[in-house]
Amino acid sequence: FYVVTINSSNCSAQSTSVFISSVGEGNAFNVIVYPNPAHQSAMVMLPAGVFQIALYDQSGKLIENFGTQQAQFILERKSLAAGSYQLMISNHEKSSIVKVVLN
C-alpha cells in the first residue's frame, strides 16, 4: 500500500510502499512456520482445532484455500514464485495472518 498526498499547490507526492504483515491480534494462534524463508516447503504448526487456511500473494490475490484439523501441515512451494505470501488462518472465533517467504 502507499499514500498519495496533494497539497494546496496541486503538487502530489507518493510515499514508499508499506507492507502490512498483520492486522488486529497478529499471530493470535501462535502459529509456527519453519523454515521461514523456505525453499521447497515449510512446516506450519497449529494448535488443536479446526482451521480454514487461505494463502495470498503480495497483491492480495487468493492463491489457495483449504481446511485442516491437523496440528501441522506442509506448505509446498509447487509452482509458486519466489516472494512473500500471507497465510490467513481462521476458525469460528478469530483470524490470524502469518507472513511466509519463499526463496
PDB file of N, CA and C in Angstrom:
ATOM      1  N   PHE A   1       0.835  -1.172   0.000  1.00  0.00           N
ATOM      2  CA  PHE A   1       0.000   0.000   0.000  1.00  0.00           C
ATOM      3  C   PHE A   1       0.878   1.232   0.000  1.00  0.00           C
ATOM      4  N   TYR A   2       0.360   2.304  -0.515  1.00  0.00           N
ATOM      5  CA  TYR A   2       1.082   3.557  -0.489  1.00  0.00           C
ATOM      6  C   TYR A   2       0.078   4.697  -0.355  1.00  0.00           C
ATOM      7  N   VAL A   3       0.589   5.864  -0.023  1.00  0.00           N
ATOM      8  CA  VAL A   3      -0.256   7.037   0.185  1.00  0.00           C
ATOM      9  C   VAL A   3       0.174   8.126  -0.784  1.00  0.00           C
ATOM     10  N   VAL A   4      -0.801   8.753  -1.426  1.00  0.00           N
ATOM     11  CA  VAL A   4      -0.547   9.900  -2.297  1.00  0.00           C
ATOM     12  C   VAL A   4      -1.167  11.112  -1.618  1.00  0.00           C
ATOM     13  N   THR A   5      -0.378  12.165  -1.490  1.00  0.00           N
ATOM     14  CA  THR A   5      -0.897  13.396  -0.888  1.00  0.00           C
ATOM     15  C   THR A   5      -0.817  14.515  -1.925  1.00  0.00           C
ATOM     16  N   ILE A   6      -1.795  15.397  -1.885  1.00  0.00           N
ATOM     17  CA  ILE A   6      -1.824  16.547  -2.792  1.00  0.00           C
ATOM     18  C   ILE A   6      -1.939  17.789  -1.924  1.00  0.00           C
ATOM     19  N   ASN A   7      -0.996  18.725  -2.117  1.00  0.00           N
ATOM     20  CA  ASN A   7      -1.019  19.937  -1.302  1.00  0.00           C
ATOM     21  C   ASN A   7      -1.818  21.034  -1.994  1.00  0.00           C
ATOM     22  N   SER A   8      -1.875  22.205  -1.400  1.00  0.00           N
ATOM     23  CA  SER A   8      -2.702  23.301  -1.922  1.00  0.00           C
ATOM     24  C   SER A   8      -2.220  23.813  -3.280  1.00  0.00           C
ATOM     25  N   SER A   9      -0.983  23.522  -3.656  1.00  0.00           N
ATOM     26  CA  SER A   9      -0.454  23.942  -4.962  1.00  0.00           C
ATOM     27  C   SER A   9      -0.669  22.864  -6.017  1.00  0.00           C
ATOM     28  N   ASN A  10      -1.493  21.860  -5.698  1.00  0.00           N
ATOM     29  CA  ASN A  10      -1.767  20.729  -6.583  1.00  0.00           C
ATOM     30  C   ASN A  10      -0.533  19.896  -6.914  1.00  0.00           C
ATOM     31  N   CYS A  11       0.461  19.941  -6.037  1.00  0.00           N
ATOM     32  CA  CYS A  11       1.632  19.082  -6.179  1.00  0.00           C
ATOM     33  C   CYS A  11       1.342  17.786  -5.419  1.00  0.00           C
ATOM     34  N   SER A  12       1.752  16.682  -5.989  1.00  0.00           N
ATOM     35  CA  SER A  12       1.489  15.416  -5.312  1.00  0.00           C
ATOM     36  C   SER A  12       2.799  14.729  -4.969  1.00  0.00           C
ATOM     37  N   ALA A  13       2.740  13.888  -3.974  1.00  0.00           N
ATOM     38  CA  ALA A  13       3.890  13.095  -3.549  1.00  0.00           C
ATOM     39  C   ALA A  13       3.381  11.721  -3.161  1.00  0.00           C
ATOM     40  N   GLN A  14       4.176  10.718  -3.478  1.00  0.00           N
ATOM     41  CA  GLN A  14       3.794   9.344  -3.158  1.00  0.00           C
ATOM     42  C   GLN A  14       4.770   8.787  -2.131  1.00  0.00           C
ATOM     43  N   SER A  15       4.238   8.169  -1.094  1.00  0.00           N
ATOM     44  CA  SER A  15       5.098   7.570  -0.081  1.00  0.00           C
ATOM     45  C   SER A  15       5.679   6.273  -0.617  1.00  0.00           C
ATOM     46  N   THR A  16       6.675   5.766   0.074  1.00  0.00           N
ATOM     47  CA  THR A  16       7.210   4.458  -0.288  1.00  0.00           C
ATOM     48  C   THR A  16       6.179   3.396   0.061  1.00  0.00           C
ATOM     49  N   SER A  17       6.317   2.230  -0.534  1.00  0.00           N
ATOM     50  CA  SER A  17       5.376   1.142  -0.283  1.00  0.00           C
ATOM     51  C   SER A  17       5.436   0.710   1.178  1.00  0.00           C
ATOM     52  N   VAL A  18       4.275   0.357   1.696  1.00  0.00           N
ATOM     53  CA  VAL A  18       4.158  -0.119   3.071  1.00  0.00           C
ATOM     54  C   VAL A  18       3.522  -1.494   3.028  1.00  0.00           C
ATOM     55  N   PHE A  19       4.153  -2.471   3.670  1.00  0.00           N
ATOM     56  CA  PHE A  19       3.608  -3.823   3.731  1.00  0.00           C
ATOM     57  C   PHE A  19       2.986  -4.041   5.099  1.00  0.00           C
ATOM     58  N   ILE A  20       1.731  -4.475   5.122  1.00  0.00           N
ATOM     59  CA  ILE A  20       1.054  -4.771   6.383  1.00  0.00           C
ATOM     60  C   ILE A  20       1.198  -6.263   6.636  1.00  0.00           C
ATOM     61  N   SER A  21       1.944  -6.621   7.679  1.00  0.00           N
ATOM     62  CA  SER A  21       2.205  -8.039   7.931  1.00  0.00           C
ATOM     63  C   SER A  21       1.211  -8.657   8.891  1.00  0.00           C
ATOM     64  N   SER A  22       0.469  -7.847   9.629  1.00  0.00           N
ATOM     65  CA  SER A  22      -0.562  -8.407  10.493  1.00  0.00           C
ATOM     66  C   SER A  22      -1.599  -7.347  10.789  1.00  0.00           C
ATOM     67  N   VAL A  23      -2.792  -7.814  11.112  1.00  0.00           N
ATOM     68  CA  VAL A  23      -3.896  -6.926  11.416  1.00  0.00           C
ATOM     69  C   VAL A  23      -4.518  -7.395  12.716  1.00  0.00           C
ATOM     70  N   GLY A  24      -4.888  -6.479  13.568  1.00  0.00           N
ATOM     71  CA  GLY A  24      -5.575  -6.863  14.799  1.00  0.00           C
ATOM     72  C   GLY A  24      -4.654  -7.585  15.758  1.00  0.00           C
ATOM     73  N   GLU A  25      -5.004  -8.841  16.067  1.00  0.00           N
ATOM     74  CA  GLU A  25      -4.277  -9.586  17.076  1.00  0.00           C
ATOM     75  C   GLU A  25      -2.952 -10.149  16.596  1.00  0.00           C
ATOM     76  N   GLY A  26      -2.630 -10.021  15.309  1.00  0.00           N
ATOM     77  CA  GLY A  26      -1.383 -10.569  14.805  1.00  0.00           C
ATOM     78  C   GLY A  26      -1.449 -12.079  14.775  1.00  0.00           C
ATOM     79  N   ASN A  27      -0.446 -12.731  15.326  1.00  0.00           N
ATOM     80  CA  ASN A  27      -0.380 -14.187  15.325  1.00  0.00           C
ATOM     81  C   ASN A  27      -1.191 -14.720  16.500  1.00  0.00           C
ATOM     82  N   ALA A  28      -2.496 -14.615  16.412  1.00  0.00           N
ATOM     83  CA  ALA A  28      -3.406 -14.938  17.519  1.00  0.00           C
ATOM     84  C   ALA A  28      -3.363 -16.403  17.923  1.00  0.00           C
ATOM     85  N   PHE A  29      -2.964 -17.286  17.007  1.00  0.00           N
ATOM     86  CA  PHE A  29      -2.954 -18.718  17.301  1.00  0.00           C
ATOM     87  C   PHE A  29      -1.560 -19.228  17.655  1.00  0.00           C
ATOM     88  N   ASN A  30      -0.563 -18.336  17.737  1.00  0.00           N
ATOM     89  CA  ASN A  30       0.824 -18.741  17.969  1.00  0.00           C
ATOM     90  C   ASN A  30       1.274 -19.768  16.944  1.00  0.00           C
ATOM     91  N   VAL A  31       0.970 -19.501  15.687  1.00  0.00           N
ATOM     92  CA  VAL A  31       1.362 -20.372  14.580  1.00  0.00           C
ATOM     93  C   VAL A  31       2.869 -20.297  14.406  1.00  0.00           C
ATOM     94  N   ILE A  32       3.481 -21.450  14.157  1.00  0.00           N
ATOM     95  CA  ILE A  32       4.916 -21.521  13.893  1.00  0.00           C
ATOM     96  C   ILE A  32       5.097 -21.995  12.458  1.00  0.00           C
ATOM     97  N   VAL A  33       5.907 -21.262  11.693  1.00  0.00           N
ATOM     98  CA  VAL A  33       6.230 -21.638  10.325  1.00  0.00           C
ATOM     99  C   VAL A  33       7.745 -21.770  10.235  1.00  0.00           C
ATOM    100  N   TYR A  34       8.215 -22.937   9.802  1.00  0.00           N
ATOM    101  CA  TYR A  34       9.654 -23.126   9.646  1.00  0.00           C
ATOM    102  C   TYR A  34       9.948 -24.105   8.522  1.00  0.00           C
ATOM    103  N   PRO A  35      11.049 -23.966   7.837  1.00  0.00           N
ATOM    104  CA  PRO A  35      11.898 -22.767   7.872  1.00  0.00           C
ATOM    105  C   PRO A  35      11.172 -21.599   7.214  1.00  0.00           C
ATOM    106  N   ASN A  36      11.525 -20.435   7.601  1.00  0.00           N
ATOM    107  CA  ASN A  36      10.925 -19.240   7.030  1.00  0.00           C
ATOM    108  C   ASN A  36      11.996 -18.155   6.982  1.00  0.00           C
ATOM    109  N   PRO A  37      12.600 -17.923   5.842  1.00  0.00           N
ATOM    110  CA  PRO A  37      12.178 -18.277   4.497  1.00  0.00           C
ATOM    111  C   PRO A  37      12.369 -19.764   4.183  1.00  0.00           C
ATOM    112  N   ALA A  38      11.561 -20.235   3.240  1.00  0.00           N
ATOM    113  CA  ALA A  38      11.584 -21.635   2.827  1.00  0.00           C
ATOM    114  C   ALA A  38      11.976 -21.736   1.355  1.00  0.00           C
ATOM    115  N   HIS A  39      12.512 -22.897   0.990  1.00  0.00           N
ATOM    116  CA  HIS A  39      12.887 -23.117  -0.412  1.00  0.00           C
ATOM    117  C   HIS A  39      11.849 -23.978  -1.130  1.00  0.00           C
ATOM    118  N   GLN A  40      11.641 -25.202  -0.697  1.00  0.00           N
ATOM    119  CA  GLN A  40      10.700 -26.110  -1.354  1.00  0.00           C
ATOM    120  C   GLN A  40       9.400 -26.278  -0.575  1.00  0.00           C
ATOM    121  N   SER A  41       9.492 -26.251   0.756  1.00  0.00           N
ATOM    122  CA  SER A  41       8.301 -26.422   1.588  1.00  0.00           C
ATOM    123  C   SER A  41       8.554 -25.828   2.966  1.00  0.00           C
ATOM    124  N   ALA A  42       7.462 -25.552   3.672  1.00  0.00           N
ATOM    125  CA  ALA A  42       7.533 -25.033   5.033  1.00  0.00           C
ATOM    126  C   ALA A  42       6.543 -25.807   5.894  1.00  0.00           C
ATOM    127  N   MET A  43       6.952 -26.142   7.108  1.00  0.00           N
ATOM    128  CA  MET A  43       6.081 -26.805   8.066  1.00  0.00           C
ATOM    129  C   MET A  43       5.297 -25.729   8.813  1.00  0.00           C
ATOM    130  N   VAL A  44       3.996 -25.893   8.878  1.00  0.00           N
ATOM    131  CA  VAL A  44       3.131 -24.951   9.593  1.00  0.00           C
ATOM    132  C   VAL A  44       2.545 -25.696  10.789  1.00  0.00           C
ATOM    133  N   MET A  45       2.835 -25.212  11.987  1.00  0.00           N
ATOM    134  CA  MET A  45       2.375 -25.829  13.230  1.00  0.00           C
ATOM    135  C   MET A  45       1.213 -24.999  13.790  1.00  0.00           C
ATOM    136  N   LEU A  46       0.088 -25.673  14.047  1.00  0.00           N
ATOM    137  CA  LEU A  46      -1.124 -25.038  14.555  1.00  0.00           C
ATOM    138  C   LEU A  46      -1.514 -25.640  15.900  1.00  0.00           C
ATOM    139  N   PRO A  47      -2.270 -24.914  16.695  1.00  0.00           N
ATOM    140  CA  PRO A  47      -2.837 -25.528  17.902  1.00  0.00           C
ATOM    141  C   PRO A  47      -3.952 -26.496  17.503  1.00  0.00           C
ATOM    142  N   ALA A  48      -4.448 -27.247  18.452  1.00  0.00           N
ATOM    143  CA  ALA A  48      -5.554 -28.169  18.178  1.00  0.00           C
ATOM    144  C   ALA A  48      -6.782 -27.380  17.748  1.00  0.00           C
ATOM    145  N   GLY A  49      -7.530 -27.916  16.796  1.00  0.00           N
ATOM    146  CA  GLY A  49      -8.754 -27.258  16.366  1.00  0.00           C
ATOM    147  C   GLY A  49      -9.004 -27.439  14.886  1.00  0.00           C
ATOM    148  N   VAL A  50     -10.079 -26.841  14.431  1.00  0.00           N
ATOM    149  CA  VAL A  50     -10.465 -26.860  13.017  1.00  0.00           C
ATOM    150  C   VAL A  50     -10.182 -25.473  12.457  1.00  0.00           C
ATOM    151  N   PHE A  51      -9.402 -25.418  11.369  1.00  0.00           N
ATOM    152  CA  PHE A  51      -8.994 -24.136  10.806  1.00  0.00           C
ATOM    153  C   PHE A  51      -9.266 -24.079   9.316  1.00  0.00           C
ATOM    154  N   GLN A  52      -9.542 -22.872   8.851  1.00  0.00           N
ATOM    155  CA  GLN A  52      -9.617 -22.565   7.427  1.00  0.00           C
ATOM    156  C   GLN A  52      -8.334 -21.805   7.109  1.00  0.00           C
ATOM    157  N   ILE A  53      -7.627 -22.230   6.073  1.00  0.00           N
ATOM    158  CA  ILE A  53      -6.355 -21.617   5.693  1.00  0.00           C
ATOM    159  C   ILE A  53      -6.512 -21.010   4.301  1.00  0.00           C
ATOM    160  N   ALA A  54      -6.085 -19.761   4.156  1.00  0.00           N
ATOM    161  CA  ALA A  54      -6.079 -19.101   2.848  1.00  0.00           C
ATOM    162  C   ALA A  54      -4.674 -18.573   2.598  1.00  0.00           C
ATOM    163  N   LEU A  55      -4.140 -18.858   1.420  1.00  0.00           N
ATOM    164  CA  LEU A  55      -2.812 -18.388   1.030  1.00  0.00           C
ATOM    165  C   LEU A  55      -2.983 -17.266   0.016  1.00  0.00           C
ATOM    166  N   TYR A  56      -2.396 -16.093   0.321  1.00  0.00           N
ATOM    167  CA  TYR A  56      -2.478 -14.919  -0.547  1.00  0.00           C
ATOM    168  C   TYR A  56      -1.087 -14.503  -1.002  1.00  0.00           C
ATOM    169  N   ASP A  57      -0.992 -13.964  -2.225  1.00  0.00           N
ATOM    170  CA  ASP A  57       0.279 -13.407  -2.671  1.00  0.00           C
ATOM    171  C   ASP A  57       0.373 -11.957  -2.210  1.00  0.00           C
ATOM    172  N   GLN A  58       1.454 -11.274  -2.599  1.00  0.00           N
ATOM    173  CA  GLN A  58       1.678  -9.900  -2.140  1.00  0.00           C
ATOM    174  C   GLN A  58       0.620  -8.925  -2.618  1.00  0.00           C
ATOM    175  N   SER A  59      -0.016  -9.216  -3.742  1.00  0.00           N
ATOM    176  CA  SER A  59      -1.041  -8.306  -4.259  1.00  0.00           C
ATOM    177  C   SER A  59      -2.398  -8.529  -3.601  1.00  0.00           C
ATOM    178  N   GLY A  60      -2.494  -9.557  -2.746  1.00  0.00           N
ATOM    179  CA  GLY A  60      -3.758  -9.863  -2.087  1.00  0.00           C
ATOM    180  C   GLY A  60      -4.597 -10.873  -2.834  1.00  0.00           C
ATOM    181  N   LYS A  61      -4.045 -11.439  -3.906  1.00  0.00           N
ATOM    182  CA  LYS A  61      -4.767 -12.444  -4.693  1.00  0.00           C
ATOM    183  C   LYS A  61      -4.793 -13.773  -3.938  1.00  0.00           C
ATOM    184  N   LEU A  62      -5.975 -14.371  -3.850  1.00  0.00           N
ATOM    185  CA  LEU A  62      -6.114 -15.674  -3.203  1.00  0.00           C
ATOM    186  C   LEU A  62      -5.485 -16.729  -4.104  1.00  0.00           C
ATOM    187  N   ILE A  63      -4.508 -17.461  -3.567  1.00  0.00           N
ATOM    188  CA  ILE A  63      -3.806 -18.498  -4.318  1.00  0.00           C
ATOM    189  C   ILE A  63      -4.413 -19.867  -4.041  1.00  0.00           C
ATOM    190  N   GLU A  64      -4.687 -20.140  -2.768  1.00  0.00           N
ATOM    191  CA  GLU A  64      -5.219 -21.443  -2.380  1.00  0.00           C
ATOM    192  C   GLU A  64      -6.028 -21.287  -1.101  1.00  0.00           C
ATOM    193  N   ASN A  65      -7.061 -22.107  -0.975  1.00  0.00           N
ATOM    194  CA  ASN A  65      -7.938 -22.068   0.192  1.00  0.00           C
ATOM    195  C   ASN A  65      -8.249 -23.502   0.586  1.00  0.00           C
ATOM    196  N   PHE A  66      -8.040 -23.853   1.852  1.00  0.00           N
ATOM    197  CA  PHE A  66      -8.312 -25.217   2.293  1.00  0.00           C
ATOM    198  C   PHE A  66      -8.569 -25.245   3.790  1.00  0.00           C
ATOM    199  N   GLY A  67      -9.132 -26.333   4.258  1.00  0.00           N
ATOM    200  CA  GLY A  67      -9.385 -26.518   5.670  1.00  0.00           C
ATOM    201  C   GLY A  67      -8.498 -27.614   6.227  1.00  0.00           C
ATOM    202  N   THR A  68      -8.259 -27.574   7.533  1.00  0.00           N
ATOM    203  CA  THR A  68      -7.459 -28.614   8.182  1.00  0.00           C
ATOM    204  C   THR A  68      -7.875 -28.772   9.637  1.00  0.00           C
ATOM    205  N   GLN A  69      -7.740 -29.990  10.102  1.00  0.00           N
ATOM    206  CA  GLN A  69      -7.906 -30.304  11.524  1.00  0.00           C
ATOM    207  C   GLN A  69      -6.594 -30.820  12.097  1.00  0.00           C
ATOM    208  N   GLN A  70      -5.561 -30.814  11.268  1.00  0.00           N
ATOM    209  CA  GLN A  70      -4.253 -31.319  11.662  1.00  0.00           C
ATOM    210  C   GLN A  70      -3.484 -30.260  12.445  1.00  0.00           C
ATOM    211  N   ALA A  71      -2.682 -30.707  13.395  1.00  0.00           N
ATOM    212  CA  ALA A  71      -1.855 -29.791  14.177  1.00  0.00           C
ATOM    213  C   ALA A  71      -0.669 -29.288  13.367  1.00  0.00           C
ATOM    214  N   GLN A  72      -0.371 -29.948  12.268  1.00  0.00           N
ATOM    215  CA  GLN A  72       0.704 -29.485  11.396  1.00  0.00           C
ATOM    216  C   GLN A  72       0.393 -29.872   9.956  1.00  0.00           C
ATOM    217  N   PHE A  73       0.876 -29.062   9.050  1.00  0.00           N
ATOM    218  CA  PHE A  73       0.766 -29.395   7.634  1.00  0.00           C
ATOM    219  C   PHE A  73       1.962 -28.790   6.922  1.00  0.00           C
ATOM    220  N   ILE A  74       2.228 -29.313   5.738  1.00  0.00           N
ATOM    221  CA  ILE A  74       3.355 -28.837   4.952  1.00  0.00           C
ATOM    222  C   ILE A  74       2.827 -27.962   3.826  1.00  0.00           C
ATOM    223  N   LEU A  75       3.338 -26.751   3.761  1.00  0.00           N
ATOM    224  CA  LEU A  75       3.017 -25.831   2.675  1.00  0.00           C
ATOM    225  C   LEU A  75       4.050 -26.074   1.582  1.00  0.00           C
ATOM    226  N   GLU A  76       3.616 -26.680   0.478  1.00  0.00           N
ATOM    227  CA  GLU A  76       4.505 -26.998  -0.644  1.00  0.00           C
ATOM    228  C   GLU A  76       4.615 -25.803  -1.581  1.00  0.00           C
ATOM    229  N   ARG A  77       5.828 -25.532  -2.038  1.00  0.00           N
ATOM    230  CA  ARG A  77       6.029 -24.413  -2.954  1.00  0.00           C
ATOM    231  C   ARG A  77       5.376 -24.688  -4.305  1.00  0.00           C
ATOM    232  N   LYS A  78       5.458 -25.915  -4.793  1.00  0.00           N
ATOM    233  CA  LYS A  78       4.883 -26.308  -6.087  1.00  0.00           C
ATOM    234  C   LYS A  78       5.279 -25.301  -7.162  1.00  0.00           C
ATOM    235  N   SER A  79       4.313 -24.635  -7.747  1.00  0.00           N
ATOM    236  CA  SER A  79       4.591 -23.687  -8.831  1.00  0.00           C
ATOM    237  C   SER A  79       4.580 -22.236  -8.351  1.00  0.00           C
ATOM    238  N   LEU A  80       4.623 -22.018  -7.048  1.00  0.00           N
ATOM    239  CA  LEU A  80       4.613 -20.651  -6.528  1.00  0.00           C
ATOM    240  C   LEU A  80       5.941 -19.957  -6.824  1.00  0.00           C
ATOM    241  N   ALA A  81       5.864 -18.725  -7.233  1.00  0.00           N
ATOM    242  CA  ALA A  81       7.060 -17.929  -7.490  1.00  0.00           C
ATOM    243  C   ALA A  81       7.714 -17.533  -6.171  1.00  0.00           C
ATOM    244  N   ALA A  82       8.992 -17.251  -6.221  1.00  0.00           N
ATOM    245  CA  ALA A  82       9.676 -16.744  -5.033  1.00  0.00           C
ATOM    246  C   ALA A  82       9.036 -15.422  -4.629  1.00  0.00           C
ATOM    247  N   GLY A  83       8.922 -15.203  -3.325  1.00  0.00           N
ATOM    248  CA  GLY A  83       8.340 -13.958  -2.834  1.00  0.00           C
ATOM    249  C   GLY A  83       7.694 -14.127  -1.482  1.00  0.00           C
ATOM    250  N   SER A  84       7.000 -13.091  -1.053  1.00  0.00           N
ATOM    251  CA  SER A  84       6.313 -13.096   0.240  1.00  0.00           C
ATOM    252  C   SER A  84       4.853 -13.458   0.049  1.00  0.00           C
ATOM    253  N   TYR A  85       4.343 -14.266   0.945  1.00  0.00           N
ATOM    254  CA  TYR A  85       2.952 -14.697   0.932  1.00  0.00           C
ATOM    255  C   TYR A  85       2.387 -14.529   2.331  1.00  0.00           C
ATOM    256  N   GLN A  86       1.082 -14.483   2.431  1.00  0.00           N
ATOM    257  CA  GLN A  86       0.423 -14.410   3.720  1.00  0.00           C
ATOM    258  C   GLN A  86      -0.498 -15.615   3.863  1.00  0.00           C
ATOM    259  N   LEU A  87      -0.420 -16.260   5.017  1.00  0.00           N
ATOM    260  CA  LEU A  87      -1.363 -17.313   5.376  1.00  0.00           C
ATOM    261  C   LEU A  87      -2.383 -16.689   6.308  1.00  0.00           C
ATOM    262  N   MET A  88      -3.652 -16.692   5.911  1.00  0.00           N
ATOM    263  CA  MET A  88      -4.707 -16.248   6.814  1.00  0.00           C
ATOM    264  C   MET A  88      -5.304 -17.504   7.425  1.00  0.00           C
ATOM    265  N   ILE A  89      -5.172 -17.617   8.725  1.00  0.00           N
ATOM    266  CA  ILE A  89      -5.625 -18.786   9.464  1.00  0.00           C
ATOM    267  C   ILE A  89      -6.797 -18.347  10.316  1.00  0.00           C
ATOM    268  N   SER A  90      -7.925 -19.035  10.179  1.00  0.00           N
ATOM    269  CA  SER A  90      -9.102 -18.612  10.936  1.00  0.00           C
ATOM    270  C   SER A  90      -9.892 -19.822  11.424  1.00  0.00           C
ATOM    271  N   ASN A  91     -10.608 -19.583  12.498  1.00  0.00           N
ATOM    272  CA  ASN A  91     -11.596 -20.547  12.991  1.00  0.00           C
ATOM    273  C   ASN A  91     -12.877 -19.755  13.232  1.00  0.00           C
ATOM    274  N   HIS A  92     -13.828 -20.318  13.926  1.00  0.00           N
ATOM    275  CA  HIS A  92     -15.106 -19.629  14.127  1.00  0.00           C
ATOM    276  C   HIS A  92     -15.009 -18.461  15.102  1.00  0.00           C
ATOM    277  N   GLU A  93     -13.855 -18.276  15.758  1.00  0.00           N
ATOM    278  CA  GLU A  93     -13.710 -17.207  16.750  1.00  0.00           C
ATOM    279  C   GLU A  93     -12.824 -16.043  16.320  1.00  0.00           C
ATOM    280  N   LYS A  94     -11.742 -16.344  15.593  1.00  0.00           N
ATOM    281  CA  LYS A  94     -10.792 -15.285  15.259  1.00  0.00           C
ATOM    282  C   LYS A  94      -9.966 -15.666  14.046  1.00  0.00           C
ATOM    283  N   SER A  95      -9.158 -14.697  13.580  1.00  0.00           N
ATOM    284  CA  SER A  95      -8.288 -14.901  12.427  1.00  0.00           C
ATOM    285  C   SER A  95      -6.885 -14.402  12.754  1.00  0.00           C
ATOM    286  N   SER A  96      -5.913 -14.943  12.043  1.00  0.00           N
ATOM    287  CA  SER A  96      -4.529 -14.546  12.225  1.00  0.00           C
ATOM    288  C   SER A  96      -3.849 -14.563  10.864  1.00  0.00           C
ATOM    289  N   ILE A  97      -2.935 -13.632  10.642  1.00  0.00           N
ATOM    290  CA  ILE A  97      -2.174 -13.581   9.396  1.00  0.00           C
ATOM    291  C   ILE A  97      -0.716 -13.799   9.714  1.00  0.00           C
ATOM    292  N   VAL A  98      -0.099 -14.733   8.982  1.00  0.00           N
ATOM    293  CA  VAL A  98       1.310 -15.055   9.180  1.00  0.00           C
ATOM    294  C   VAL A  98       2.024 -14.899   7.841  1.00  0.00           C
ATOM    295  N   LYS A  99       3.139 -14.197   7.848  1.00  0.00           N
ATOM    296  CA  LYS A  99       3.916 -13.986   6.636  1.00  0.00           C
ATOM    297  C   LYS A  99       4.816 -15.202   6.393  1.00  0.00           C
ATOM    298  N   VAL A 100       4.872 -15.653   5.134  1.00  0.00           N
ATOM    299  CA  VAL A 100       5.738 -16.751   4.718  1.00  0.00           C
ATOM    300  C   VAL A 100       6.541 -16.275   3.517  1.00  0.00           C
ATOM    301  N   VAL A 101       7.859 -16.484   3.554  1.00  0.00           N
ATOM    302  CA  VAL A 101       8.721 -16.085   2.459  1.00  0.00           C
ATOM    303  C   VAL A 101       9.233 -17.340   1.762  1.00  0.00           C
ATOM    304  N   LEU A 102       9.062 -17.373   0.443  1.00  0.00           N
ATOM    305  CA  LEU A 102       9.568 -18.480  -0.372  1.00  0.00           C
ATOM    306  C   LEU A 102      10.713 -17.969  -1.222  1.00  0.00           C
ATOM    307  N   ASN A 103      11.851 -18.639  -1.129  1.00  0.00           N
ATOM    308  CA  ASN A 103      13.034 -18.252  -1.920  1.00  0.00           C
ATOM    309  C   ASN A 103      13.134 -19.088  -3.170  1.00  0.00           C
TER     310      ASN A 103
END
